[in-house]
Amino acid sequence: MPFAAQTVPIPNRVRAPEDVLARHLVHRVEPVLAPEESHAEGTVVLAIVVGKDGKVIQVRGIEGDPKLVQSAIKAVREWRYEPYLLNGTPVEIQSQVTLRFRGQHKKKQS
């Protein structure tokens, strides 16, 4: 009896490590902080879902200062990725992104 080829269904969404997702980033918008927060420093971790078309469709804060998280979320919503293909079919990607804020300290003038 001949062996019948089986097709494996492609999932709608897959998990990808942050470094894999980063390689597909084609448009990045940097977070903008209010002037009174421009000195803020810290790390923000966001959970994101990238749609089949490469647009960020979900984003939520996991870790970080709430003010920094809000700025990061606003920026990441504008990021765009190359569509992620699984066996030639676009799928949604669930991952996370880490952003590091380094305060912009003004130099003292002599």
PDB file of N, CA and C in Angstrom:
ATOM      1  N   MET A   1       0.842  -1.169   0.000  1.00  0.00           N
ATOM      2  CA  MET A   1       0.000   0.000   0.000  1.00  0.00           C
ATOM      3  C   MET A   1       0.892   1.239   0.000  1.00  0.00           C
ATOM      4  N   PRO A   2       0.671   2.156  -0.941  1.00  0.00           N
ATOM      5  CA  PRO A   2       1.531   3.336  -1.005  1.00  0.00           C
ATOM      6  C   PRO A   2       1.325   4.240   0.213  1.00  0.00           C
ATOM      7  N   PHE A   3       2.407   4.888   0.592  1.00  0.00           N
ATOM      8  CA  PHE A   3       2.374   5.823   1.722  1.00  0.00           C
ATOM      9  C   PHE A   3       1.824   7.154   1.235  1.00  0.00           C
ATOM     10  N   ALA A   4       0.781   7.642   1.880  1.00  0.00           N
ATOM     11  CA  ALA A   4       0.162   8.912   1.494  1.00  0.00           C
ATOM     12  C   ALA A   4       0.879  10.063   2.195  1.00  0.00           C
ATOM     13  N   ALA A   5       1.209  11.071   1.439  1.00  0.00           N
ATOM     14  CA  ALA A   5       1.847  12.254   2.019  1.00  0.00           C
ATOM     15  C   ALA A   5       0.837  13.004   2.879  1.00  0.00           C
ATOM     16  N   GLN A   6       1.285  13.421   4.040  1.00  0.00           N
ATOM     17  CA  GLN A   6       0.418  14.162   4.936  1.00  0.00           C
ATOM     18  C   GLN A   6       0.838  15.623   4.952  1.00  0.00           C
ATOM     19  N   THR A   7      -0.133  16.476   4.974  1.00  0.00           N
ATOM     20  CA  THR A   7       0.175  17.892   5.098  1.00  0.00           C
ATOM     21  C   THR A   7      -0.034  18.313   6.546  1.00  0.00           C
ATOM     22  N   VAL A   8       0.895  19.077   7.032  1.00  0.00           N
ATOM     23  CA  VAL A   8       0.814  19.569   8.399  1.00  0.00           C
ATOM     24  C   VAL A   8       0.202  20.961   8.333  1.00  0.00           C
ATOM     25  N   PRO A   9      -0.872  21.195   9.086  1.00  0.00           N
ATOM     26  CA  PRO A   9      -1.487  22.519   9.049  1.00  0.00           C
ATOM     27  C   PRO A   9      -0.524  23.583   9.585  1.00  0.00           C
ATOM     28  N   ILE A  10      -0.572  24.750   8.977  1.00  0.00           N
ATOM     29  CA  ILE A  10       0.269  25.869   9.405  1.00  0.00           C
ATOM     30  C   ILE A  10      -0.492  26.652  10.463  1.00  0.00           C
ATOM     31  N   PRO A  11       0.137  26.885  11.620  1.00  0.00           N
ATOM     32  CA  PRO A  11      -0.557  27.637  12.670  1.00  0.00           C
ATOM     33  C   PRO A  11      -0.762  29.096  12.264  1.00  0.00           C
ATOM     34  N   ASN A  12      -1.759  29.731  12.861  1.00  0.00           N
ATOM     35  CA  ASN A  12      -2.008  31.146  12.603  1.00  0.00           C
ATOM     36  C   ASN A  12      -0.965  32.031  13.272  1.00  0.00           C
ATOM     37  N   ARG A  13      -0.426  31.565  14.399  1.00  0.00           N
ATOM     38  CA  ARG A  13       0.525  32.369  15.180  1.00  0.00           C
ATOM     39  C   ARG A  13       1.612  31.458  15.730  1.00  0.00           C
ATOM     40  N   VAL A  14       2.855  31.943  15.652  1.00  0.00           N
ATOM     41  CA  VAL A  14       3.970  31.196  16.226  1.00  0.00           C
ATOM     42  C   VAL A  14       4.758  32.109  17.152  1.00  0.00           C
ATOM     43  N   ARG A  15       5.457  31.501  18.092  1.00  0.00           N
ATOM     44  CA  ARG A  15       6.341  32.252  18.987  1.00  0.00           C
ATOM     45  C   ARG A  15       7.720  32.315  18.342  1.00  0.00           C
ATOM     46  N   ALA A  16       8.357  33.460  18.497  1.00  0.00           N
ATOM     47  CA  ALA A  16       9.713  33.620  17.977  1.00  0.00           C
ATOM     48  C   ALA A  16      10.564  34.336  19.019  1.00  0.00           C
ATOM     49  N   PRO A  17      11.817  33.937  19.149  1.00  0.00           N
ATOM     50  CA  PRO A  17      12.706  34.651  20.067  1.00  0.00           C
ATOM     51  C   PRO A  17      12.904  36.093  19.600  1.00  0.00           C
ATOM     52  N   GLU A  18      13.227  36.958  20.542  1.00  0.00           N
ATOM     53  CA  GLU A  18      13.387  38.380  20.252  1.00  0.00           C
ATOM     54  C   GLU A  18      14.435  38.627  19.164  1.00  0.00           C
ATOM     55  N   ASP A  19      15.539  37.881  19.189  1.00  0.00           N
ATOM     56  CA  ASP A  19      16.591  38.113  18.195  1.00  0.00           C
ATOM     57  C   ASP A  19      16.156  37.712  16.788  1.00  0.00           C
ATOM     58  N   VAL A  20      15.312  36.701  16.670  1.00  0.00           N
ATOM     59  CA  VAL A  20      14.792  36.302  15.356  1.00  0.00           C
ATOM     60  C   VAL A  20      13.858  37.383  14.822  1.00  0.00           C
ATOM     61  N   LEU A  21      12.971  37.872  15.677  1.00  0.00           N
ATOM     62  CA  LEU A  21      12.053  38.933  15.262  1.00  0.00           C
ATOM     63  C   LEU A  21      12.822  40.186  14.849  1.00  0.00           C
ATOM     64  N   ALA A  22      13.879  40.520  15.583  1.00  0.00           N
ATOM     65  CA  ALA A  22      14.668  41.726  15.299  1.00  0.00           C
ATOM     66  C   ALA A  22      15.246  41.699  13.892  1.00  0.00           C
ATOM     67  N   ARG A  23      15.578  40.530  13.375  1.00  0.00           N
ATOM     68  CA  ARG A  23      16.142  40.428  12.022  1.00  0.00           C
ATOM     69  C   ARG A  23      15.122  40.776  10.947  1.00  0.00           C
ATOM     70  N   HIS A  24      13.851  40.787  11.290  1.00  0.00           N
ATOM     71  CA  HIS A  24      12.785  41.084  10.328  1.00  0.00           C
ATOM     72  C   HIS A  24      12.309  42.538  10.420  1.00  0.00           C
ATOM     73  N   LEU A  25      12.867  43.314  11.353  1.00  0.00           N
ATOM     74  CA  LEU A  25      12.460  44.709  11.536  1.00  0.00           C
ATOM     75  C   LEU A  25      12.907  45.555  10.344  1.00  0.00           C
ATOM     76  N   VAL A  26      11.956  46.264   9.726  1.00  0.00           N
ATOM     77  CA  VAL A  26      12.282  47.110   8.568  1.00  0.00           C
ATOM     78  C   VAL A  26      12.029  48.587   8.838  1.00  0.00           C
ATOM     79  N   HIS A  27      11.249  48.912   9.861  1.00  0.00           N
ATOM     80  CA  HIS A  27      10.968  50.316  10.190  1.00  0.00           C
ATOM     81  C   HIS A  27      10.849  50.445  11.700  1.00  0.00           C
ATOM     82  N   ARG A  28      11.772  51.217  12.266  1.00  0.00           N
ATOM     83  CA  ARG A  28      11.791  51.409  13.724  1.00  0.00           C
ATOM     84  C   ARG A  28      11.582  52.880  14.043  1.00  0.00           C
ATOM     85  N   VAL A  29      10.697  53.152  14.978  1.00  0.00           N
ATOM     86  CA  VAL A  29      10.454  54.496  15.484  1.00  0.00           C
ATOM     87  C   VAL A  29      10.977  54.527  16.913  1.00  0.00           C
ATOM     88  N   GLU A  30      11.809  55.504  17.203  1.00  0.00           N
ATOM     89  CA  GLU A  30      12.366  55.613  18.554  1.00  0.00           C
ATOM     90  C   GLU A  30      11.341  56.243  19.494  1.00  0.00           C
ATOM     91  N   PRO A  31      11.298  55.783  20.743  1.00  0.00           N
ATOM     92  CA  PRO A  31      10.386  56.388  21.725  1.00  0.00           C
ATOM     93  C   PRO A  31      10.742  57.848  21.978  1.00  0.00           C
ATOM     94  N   VAL A  32       9.718  58.654  22.194  1.00  0.00           N
ATOM     95  CA  VAL A  32       9.900  60.071  22.499  1.00  0.00           C
ATOM     96  C   VAL A  32       9.426  60.307  23.924  1.00  0.00           C
ATOM     97  N   LEU A  33      10.300  60.886  24.710  1.00  0.00           N
ATOM     98  CA  LEU A  33       9.951  61.181  26.095  1.00  0.00           C
ATOM     99  C   LEU A  33       9.628  62.665  26.234  1.00  0.00           C
ATOM    100  N   ALA A  34       8.744  62.977  27.144  1.00  0.00           N
ATOM    101  CA  ALA A  34       8.451  64.369  27.458  1.00  0.00           C
ATOM    102  C   ALA A  34       9.730  65.006  27.999  1.00  0.00           C
ATOM    103  N   PRO A  35       9.915  66.320  27.795  1.00  0.00           N
ATOM    104  CA  PRO A  35      11.154  66.978  28.253  1.00  0.00           C
ATOM    105  C   PRO A  35      11.489  66.712  29.717  1.00  0.00           C
ATOM    106  N   GLU A  36      10.480  66.701  30.565  1.00  0.00           N
ATOM    107  CA  GLU A  36      10.751  66.480  31.995  1.00  0.00           C
ATOM    108  C   GLU A  36      11.152  65.032  32.298  1.00  0.00           C
ATOM    109  N   GLU A  37      10.983  64.146  31.341  1.00  0.00           N
ATOM    110  CA  GLU A  37      11.357  62.736  31.528  1.00  0.00           C
ATOM    111  C   GLU A  37      12.595  62.358  30.731  1.00  0.00           C
ATOM    112  N   SER A  38      13.191  63.310  30.023  1.00  0.00           N
ATOM    113  CA  SER A  38      14.301  62.997  29.126  1.00  0.00           C
ATOM    114  C   SER A  38      15.534  62.444  29.847  1.00  0.00           C
ATOM    115  N   HIS A  39      15.598  62.627  31.158  1.00  0.00           N
ATOM    116  CA  HIS A  39      16.715  62.103  31.936  1.00  0.00           C
ATOM    117  C   HIS A  39      16.479  60.662  32.390  1.00  0.00           C
ATOM    118  N   ALA A  40      15.297  60.147  32.147  1.00  0.00           N
ATOM    119  CA  ALA A  40      14.927  58.819  32.647  1.00  0.00           C
ATOM    120  C   ALA A  40      15.796  57.730  32.026  1.00  0.00           C
ATOM    121  N   GLU A  41      16.096  56.742  32.841  1.00  0.00           N
ATOM    122  CA  GLU A  41      16.874  55.603  32.395  1.00  0.00           C
ATOM    123  C   GLU A  41      16.190  54.337  32.864  1.00  0.00           C
ATOM    124  N   GLY A  42      16.360  53.274  32.095  1.00  0.00           N
ATOM    125  CA  GLY A  42      15.805  51.996  32.496  1.00  0.00           C
ATOM    126  C   GLY A  42      15.538  51.112  31.304  1.00  0.00           C
ATOM    127  N   THR A  43      15.098  49.913  31.595  1.00  0.00           N
ATOM    128  CA  THR A  43      14.802  48.926  30.570  1.00  0.00           C
ATOM    129  C   THR A  43      13.317  48.644  30.575  1.00  0.00           C
ATOM    130  N   VAL A  44      12.754  48.537  29.382  1.00  0.00           N
ATOM    131  CA  VAL A  44      11.347  48.226  29.211  1.00  0.00           C
ATOM    132  C   VAL A  44      11.251  46.947  28.386  1.00  0.00           C
ATOM    133  N   VAL A  45      10.401  46.038  28.823  1.00  0.00           N
ATOM    134  CA  VAL A  45      10.150  44.819  28.066  1.00  0.00           C
ATOM    135  C   VAL A  45       8.680  44.818  27.678  1.00  0.00           C
ATOM    136  N   LEU A  46       8.419  44.618  26.392  1.00  0.00           N
ATOM    137  CA  LEU A  46       7.057  44.590  25.868  1.00  0.00           C
ATOM    138  C   LEU A  46       6.770  43.245  25.233  1.00  0.00           C
ATOM    139  N   ALA A  47       5.541  42.768  25.401  1.00  0.00           N
ATOM    140  CA  ALA A  47       5.060  41.592  24.673  1.00  0.00           C
ATOM    141  C   ALA A  47       4.357  42.123  23.435  1.00  0.00           C
ATOM    142  N   ILE A  48       4.694  41.563  22.260  1.00  0.00           N
ATOM    143  CA  ILE A  48       4.070  42.043  21.035  1.00  0.00           C
ATOM    144  C   ILE A  48       3.590  40.895  20.170  1.00  0.00           C
ATOM    145  N   VAL A  49       2.622  41.232  19.323  1.00  0.00           N
ATOM    146  CA  VAL A  49       2.172  40.317  18.272  1.00  0.00           C
ATOM    147  C   VAL A  49       2.275  41.086  16.972  1.00  0.00           C
ATOM    148  N   VAL A  50       2.957  40.485  16.008  1.00  0.00           N
ATOM    149  CA  VAL A  50       3.108  41.074  14.686  1.00  0.00           C
ATOM    150  C   VAL A  50       2.171  40.326  13.746  1.00  0.00           C
ATOM    151  N   GLY A  51       1.355  41.082  13.024  1.00  0.00           N
ATOM    152  CA  GLY A  51       0.395  40.478  12.112  1.00  0.00           C
ATOM    153  C   GLY A  51       1.049  39.890  10.870  1.00  0.00           C
ATOM    154  N   LYS A  52       0.262  39.197  10.101  1.00  0.00           N
ATOM    155  CA  LYS A  52       0.748  38.556   8.874  1.00  0.00           C
ATOM    156  C   LYS A  52       1.296  39.565   7.879  1.00  0.00           C
ATOM    157  N   ASP A  53       0.855  40.819   7.993  1.00  0.00           N
ATOM    158  CA  ASP A  53       1.316  41.868   7.085  1.00  0.00           C
ATOM    159  C   ASP A  53       2.537  42.621   7.623  1.00  0.00           C
ATOM    160  N   GLY A  54       3.029  42.255   8.802  1.00  0.00           N
ATOM    161  CA  GLY A  54       4.209  42.885   9.374  1.00  0.00           C
ATOM    162  C   GLY A  54       3.928  44.043  10.305  1.00  0.00           C
ATOM    163  N   LYS A  55       2.657  44.389  10.498  1.00  0.00           N
ATOM    164  CA  LYS A  55       2.303  45.471  11.415  1.00  0.00           C
ATOM    165  C   LYS A  55       2.129  44.922  12.828  1.00  0.00           C
ATOM    166  N   VAL A  56       2.512  45.739  13.816  1.00  0.00           N
ATOM    167  CA  VAL A  56       2.324  45.348  15.216  1.00  0.00           C
ATOM    168  C   VAL A  56       0.836  45.476  15.522  1.00  0.00           C
ATOM    169  N   ILE A  57       0.209  44.369  15.905  1.00  0.00           N
ATOM    170  CA  ILE A  57      -1.234  44.384  16.150  1.00  0.00           C
ATOM    171  C   ILE A  57      -1.589  44.335  17.635  1.00  0.00           C
ATOM    172  N   GLN A  58      -0.634  43.922  18.464  1.00  0.00           N
ATOM    173  CA  GLN A  58      -0.856  43.927  19.916  1.00  0.00           C
ATOM    174  C   GLN A  58       0.458  44.271  20.587  1.00  0.00           C
ATOM    175  N   VAL A  59       0.375  45.055  21.638  1.00  0.00           N
ATOM    176  CA  VAL A  59       1.566  45.375  22.424  1.00  0.00           C
ATOM    177  C   VAL A  59       1.136  45.693  23.850  1.00  0.00           C
ATOM    178  N   ARG A  60       1.881  45.158  24.806  1.00  0.00           N
ATOM    179  CA  ARG A  60       1.594  45.451  26.213  1.00  0.00           C
ATOM    180  C   ARG A  60       2.897  45.396  26.998  1.00  0.00           C
ATOM    181  N   GLY A  61       2.941  46.211  28.041  1.00  0.00           N
ATOM    182  CA  GLY A  61       4.126  46.261  28.884  1.00  0.00           C
ATOM    183  C   GLY A  61       4.219  45.059  29.793  1.00  0.00           C
ATOM    184  N   ILE A  62       5.424  44.534  29.943  1.00  0.00           N
ATOM    185  CA  ILE A  62       5.684  43.421  30.853  1.00  0.00           C
ATOM    186  C   ILE A  62       6.510  43.908  32.036  1.00  0.00           C
ATOM    187  N   GLU A  63       7.456  44.816  31.728  1.00  0.00           N
ATOM    188  CA  GLU A  63       8.394  45.237  32.761  1.00  0.00           C
ATOM    189  C   GLU A  63       8.894  46.647  32.458  1.00  0.00           C
ATOM    190  N   GLY A  64       9.097  47.433  33.501  1.00  0.00           N
ATOM    191  CA  GLY A  64       9.694  48.748  33.344  1.00  0.00           C
ATOM    192  C   GLY A  64       8.883  49.853  33.996  1.00  0.00           C
ATOM    193  N   ASP A  65       9.507  51.028  34.094  1.00  0.00           N
ATOM    194  CA  ASP A  65       8.870  52.222  34.639  1.00  0.00           C
ATOM    195  C   ASP A  65       7.642  52.544  33.791  1.00  0.00           C
ATOM    196  N   PRO A  66       6.483  52.755  34.412  1.00  0.00           N
ATOM    197  CA  PRO A  66       5.257  53.009  33.648  1.00  0.00           C
ATOM    198  C   PRO A  66       5.356  54.144  32.628  1.00  0.00           C
ATOM    199  N   LYS A  67       6.079  55.223  32.958  1.00  0.00           N
ATOM    200  CA  LYS A  67       6.225  56.329  32.006  1.00  0.00           C
ATOM    201  C   LYS A  67       7.026  55.892  30.785  1.00  0.00           C
ATOM    202  N   LEU A  68       8.074  55.118  31.026  1.00  0.00           N
ATOM    203  CA  LEU A  68       8.889  54.619  29.920  1.00  0.00           C
ATOM    204  C   LEU A  68       8.112  53.592  29.102  1.00  0.00           C
ATOM    205  N   VAL A  69       7.336  52.767  29.792  1.00  0.00           N
ATOM    206  CA  VAL A  69       6.537  51.748  29.101  1.00  0.00           C
ATOM    207  C   VAL A  69       5.567  52.414  28.132  1.00  0.00           C
ATOM    208  N   GLN A  70       4.900  53.468  28.557  1.00  0.00           N
ATOM    209  CA  GLN A  70       3.931  54.141  27.683  1.00  0.00           C
ATOM    210  C   GLN A  70       4.608  54.721  26.442  1.00  0.00           C
ATOM    211  N   SER A  71       5.768  55.331  26.613  1.00  0.00           N
ATOM    212  CA  SER A  71       6.510  55.866  25.466  1.00  0.00           C
ATOM    213  C   SER A  71       6.950  54.747  24.536  1.00  0.00           C
ATOM    214  N   ALA A  72       7.393  53.644  25.109  1.00  0.00           N
ATOM    215  CA  ALA A  72       7.842  52.503  24.313  1.00  0.00           C
ATOM    216  C   ALA A  72       6.680  51.901  23.524  1.00  0.00           C
ATOM    217  N   ILE A  73       5.530  51.744  24.172  1.00  0.00           N
ATOM    218  CA  ILE A  73       4.356  51.179  23.492  1.00  0.00           C
ATOM    219  C   ILE A  73       3.955  52.050  22.307  1.00  0.00           C
ATOM    220  N   LYS A  74       3.930  53.358  22.525  1.00  0.00           N
ATOM    221  CA  LYS A  74       3.537  54.269  21.449  1.00  0.00           C
ATOM    222  C   LYS A  74       4.474  54.126  20.246  1.00  0.00           C
ATOM    223  N   ALA A  75       5.767  54.027  20.493  1.00  0.00           N
ATOM    224  CA  ALA A  75       6.733  53.890  19.404  1.00  0.00           C
ATOM    225  C   ALA A  75       6.624  52.531  18.715  1.00  0.00           C
ATOM    226  N   VAL A  76       6.549  51.464  19.503  1.00  0.00           N
ATOM    227  CA  VAL A  76       6.549  50.106  18.936  1.00  0.00           C
ATOM    228  C   VAL A  76       5.299  49.850  18.095  1.00  0.00           C
ATOM    229  N   ARG A  77       4.203  50.502  18.420  1.00  0.00           N
ATOM    230  CA  ARG A  77       2.999  50.359  17.588  1.00  0.00           C
ATOM    231  C   ARG A  77       3.252  50.795  16.141  1.00  0.00           C
ATOM    232  N   GLU A  78       4.263  51.634  15.931  1.00  0.00           N
ATOM    233  CA  GLU A  78       4.581  52.123  14.594  1.00  0.00           C
ATOM    234  C   GLU A  78       5.670  51.295  13.894  1.00  0.00           C
ATOM    235  N   TRP A  79       6.248  50.337  14.585  1.00  0.00           N
ATOM    236  CA  TRP A  79       7.283  49.503  13.971  1.00  0.00           C
ATOM    237  C   TRP A  79       6.657  48.624  12.898  1.00  0.00           C
ATOM    238  N   ARG A  80       7.454  48.287  11.897  1.00  0.00           N
ATOM    239  CA  ARG A  80       7.013  47.397  10.820  1.00  0.00           C
ATOM    240  C   ARG A  80       8.065  46.315  10.596  1.00  0.00           C
ATOM    241  N   TYR A  81       7.576  45.142  10.315  1.00  0.00           N
ATOM    242  CA  TYR A  81       8.432  43.978  10.093  1.00  0.00           C
ATOM    243  C   TYR A  81       8.154  43.373   8.720  1.00  0.00           C
ATOM    244  N   GLU A  82       9.149  42.662   8.200  1.00  0.00           N
ATOM    245  CA  GLU A  82       8.902  41.842   7.014  1.00  0.00           C
ATOM    246  C   GLU A  82       7.929  40.759   7.453  1.00  0.00           C
ATOM    247  N   PRO A  83       6.953  40.415   6.623  1.00  0.00           N
ATOM    248  CA  PRO A  83       6.073  39.310   7.005  1.00  0.00           C
ATOM    249  C   PRO A  83       6.902  38.047   7.275  1.00  0.00           C
ATOM    250  N   TYR A  84       6.542  37.347   8.324  1.00  0.00           N
ATOM    251  CA  TYR A  84       7.232  36.121   8.709  1.00  0.00           C
ATOM    252  C   TYR A  84       6.564  34.961   8.002  1.00  0.00           C
ATOM    253  N   LEU A  85       7.350  34.196   7.234  1.00  0.00           N
ATOM    254  CA  LEU A  85       6.791  33.114   6.443  1.00  0.00           C
ATOM    255  C   LEU A  85       7.136  31.769   7.055  1.00  0.00           C
ATOM    256  N   LEU A  86       6.150  30.907   7.104  1.00  0.00           N
ATOM    257  CA  LEU A  86       6.325  29.536   7.546  1.00  0.00           C
ATOM    258  C   LEU A  86       5.874  28.658   6.389  1.00  0.00           C
ATOM    259  N   ASN A  87       6.811  27.969   5.791  1.00  0.00           N
ATOM    260  CA  ASN A  87       6.527  27.188   4.574  1.00  0.00           C
ATOM    261  C   ASN A  87       5.871  28.044   3.496  1.00  0.00           C
ATOM    262  N   GLY A  88       6.342  29.288   3.378  1.00  0.00           N
ATOM    263  CA  GLY A  88       5.847  30.186   2.342  1.00  0.00           C
ATOM    264  C   GLY A  88       4.542  30.892   2.659  1.00  0.00           C
ATOM    265  N   THR A  89       3.986  30.628   3.842  1.00  0.00           N
ATOM    266  CA  THR A  89       2.721  31.237   4.241  1.00  0.00           C
ATOM    267  C   THR A  89       2.948  32.228   5.378  1.00  0.00           C
ATOM    268  N   PRO A  90       2.444  33.471   5.239  1.00  0.00           N
ATOM    269  CA  PRO A  90       2.614  34.438   6.331  1.00  0.00           C
ATOM    270  C   PRO A  90       1.859  34.000   7.586  1.00  0.00           C
ATOM    271  N   VAL A  91       2.508  34.188   8.737  1.00  0.00           N
ATOM    272  CA  VAL A  91       1.891  33.867  10.028  1.00  0.00           C
ATOM    273  C   VAL A  91       2.116  35.024  10.987  1.00  0.00           C
ATOM    274  N   GLU A  92       1.287  35.104  12.014  1.00  0.00           N
ATOM    275  CA  GLU A  92       1.485  36.083  13.078  1.00  0.00           C
ATOM    276  C   GLU A  92       2.621  35.603  13.969  1.00  0.00           C
ATOM    277  N   ILE A  93       3.340  36.561  14.521  1.00  0.00           N
ATOM    278  CA  ILE A  93       4.460  36.250  15.408  1.00  0.00           C
ATOM    279  C   ILE A  93       4.200  36.825  16.784  1.00  0.00           C
ATOM    280  N   GLN A  94       4.377  36.005  17.792  1.00  0.00           N
ATOM    281  CA  GLN A  94       4.290  36.443  19.183  1.00  0.00           C
ATOM    282  C   GLN A  94       5.709  36.448  19.731  1.00  0.00           C
ATOM    283  N   SER A  95       6.120  37.580  20.297  1.00  0.00           N
ATOM    284  CA  SER A  95       7.485  37.703  20.797  1.00  0.00           C
ATOM    285  C   SER A  95       7.532  38.803  21.847  1.00  0.00           C
ATOM    286  N   GLN A  96       8.729  39.276  22.110  1.00  0.00           N
ATOM    287  CA  GLN A  96       8.895  40.417  22.996  1.00  0.00           C
ATOM    288  C   GLN A  96      10.011  41.286  22.456  1.00  0.00           C
ATOM    289  N   VAL A  97       9.990  42.551  22.863  1.00  0.00           N
ATOM    290  CA  VAL A  97      11.062  43.482  22.521  1.00  0.00           C
ATOM    291  C   VAL A  97      11.540  44.154  23.796  1.00  0.00           C
ATOM    292  N   THR A  98      12.820  44.421  23.842  1.00  0.00           N
ATOM    293  CA  THR A  98      13.431  45.081  24.985  1.00  0.00           C
ATOM    294  C   THR A  98      14.008  46.401  24.509  1.00  0.00           C
ATOM    295  N   LEU A  99      13.649  47.484  25.173  1.00  0.00           N
ATOM    296  CA  LEU A  99      14.170  48.807  24.848  1.00  0.00           C
ATOM    297  C   LEU A  99      14.909  49.336  26.073  1.00  0.00           C
ATOM    298  N   ARG A 100      16.063  49.927  25.832  1.00  0.00           N
ATOM    299  CA  ARG A 100      16.857  50.506  26.913  1.00  0.00           C
ATOM    300  C   ARG A 100      16.864  52.020  26.763  1.00  0.00           C
ATOM    301  N   PHE A 101      16.453  52.681  27.807  1.00  0.00           N
ATOM    302  CA  PHE A 101      16.443  54.140  27.830  1.00  0.00           C
ATOM    303  C   PHE A 101      17.680  54.603  28.582  1.00  0.00           C
ATOM    304  N   ARG A 102      18.406  55.509  27.966  1.00  0.00           N
ATOM    305  CA  ARG A 102      19.571  56.117  28.608  1.00  0.00           C
ATOM    306  C   ARG A 102      19.326  57.611  28.631  1.00  0.00           C
ATOM    307  N   GLY A 103      19.238  58.180  29.809  1.00  0.00           N
ATOM    308  CA  GLY A 103      18.926  59.595  29.963  1.00  0.00           C
ATOM    309  C   GLY A 103      19.857  60.505  29.175  1.00  0.00           C
ATOM    310  N   GLN A 104      19.298  61.604  28.720  1.00  0.00           N
ATOM    311  CA  GLN A 104      20.081  62.603  28.001  1.00  0.00           C
ATOM    312  C   GLN A 104      20.486  63.673  29.002  1.00  0.00           C
ATOM    313  N   HIS A 105      21.663  63.491  29.572  1.00  0.00           N
ATOM    314  CA  HIS A 105      22.130  64.434  30.581  1.00  0.00           C
ATOM    315  C   HIS A 105      22.772  65.634  29.903  1.00  0.00           C
ATOM    316  N   LYS A 106      22.450  66.806  30.387  1.00  0.00           N
ATOM    317  CA  LYS A 106      23.050  68.018  29.841  1.00  0.00           C
ATOM    318  C   LYS A 106      24.422  68.220  30.466  1.00  0.00           C
ATOM    319  N   LYS A 107      25.379  68.576  29.617  1.00  0.00           N
ATOM    320  CA  LYS A 107      26.720  68.828  30.112  1.00  0.00           C
ATOM    321  C   LYS A 107      26.762  70.200  30.786  1.00  0.00           C
ATOM    322  N   LYS A 108      27.508  70.273  31.846  1.00  0.00           N
ATOM    323  CA  LYS A 108      27.693  71.550  32.527  1.00  0.00           C
ATOM    324  C   LYS A 108      28.631  72.418  31.698  1.00  0.00           C
ATOM    325  N   GLN A 109      28.289  73.668  31.589  1.00  0.00           N
ATOM    326  CA  GLN A 109      29.139  74.580  30.844  1.00  0.00           C
ATOM    327  C   GLN A 109      30.109  75.265  31.806  1.00  0.00           C
ATOM    328  N   SER A 110      31.359  75.385  31.392  1.00  0.00           N
ATOM    329  CA  SER A 110      32.377  76.012  32.235  1.00  0.00           C
ATOM    330  C   SER A 110      32.478  77.482  31.968  1.00  0.00           C
TER     331      SER A 110
END
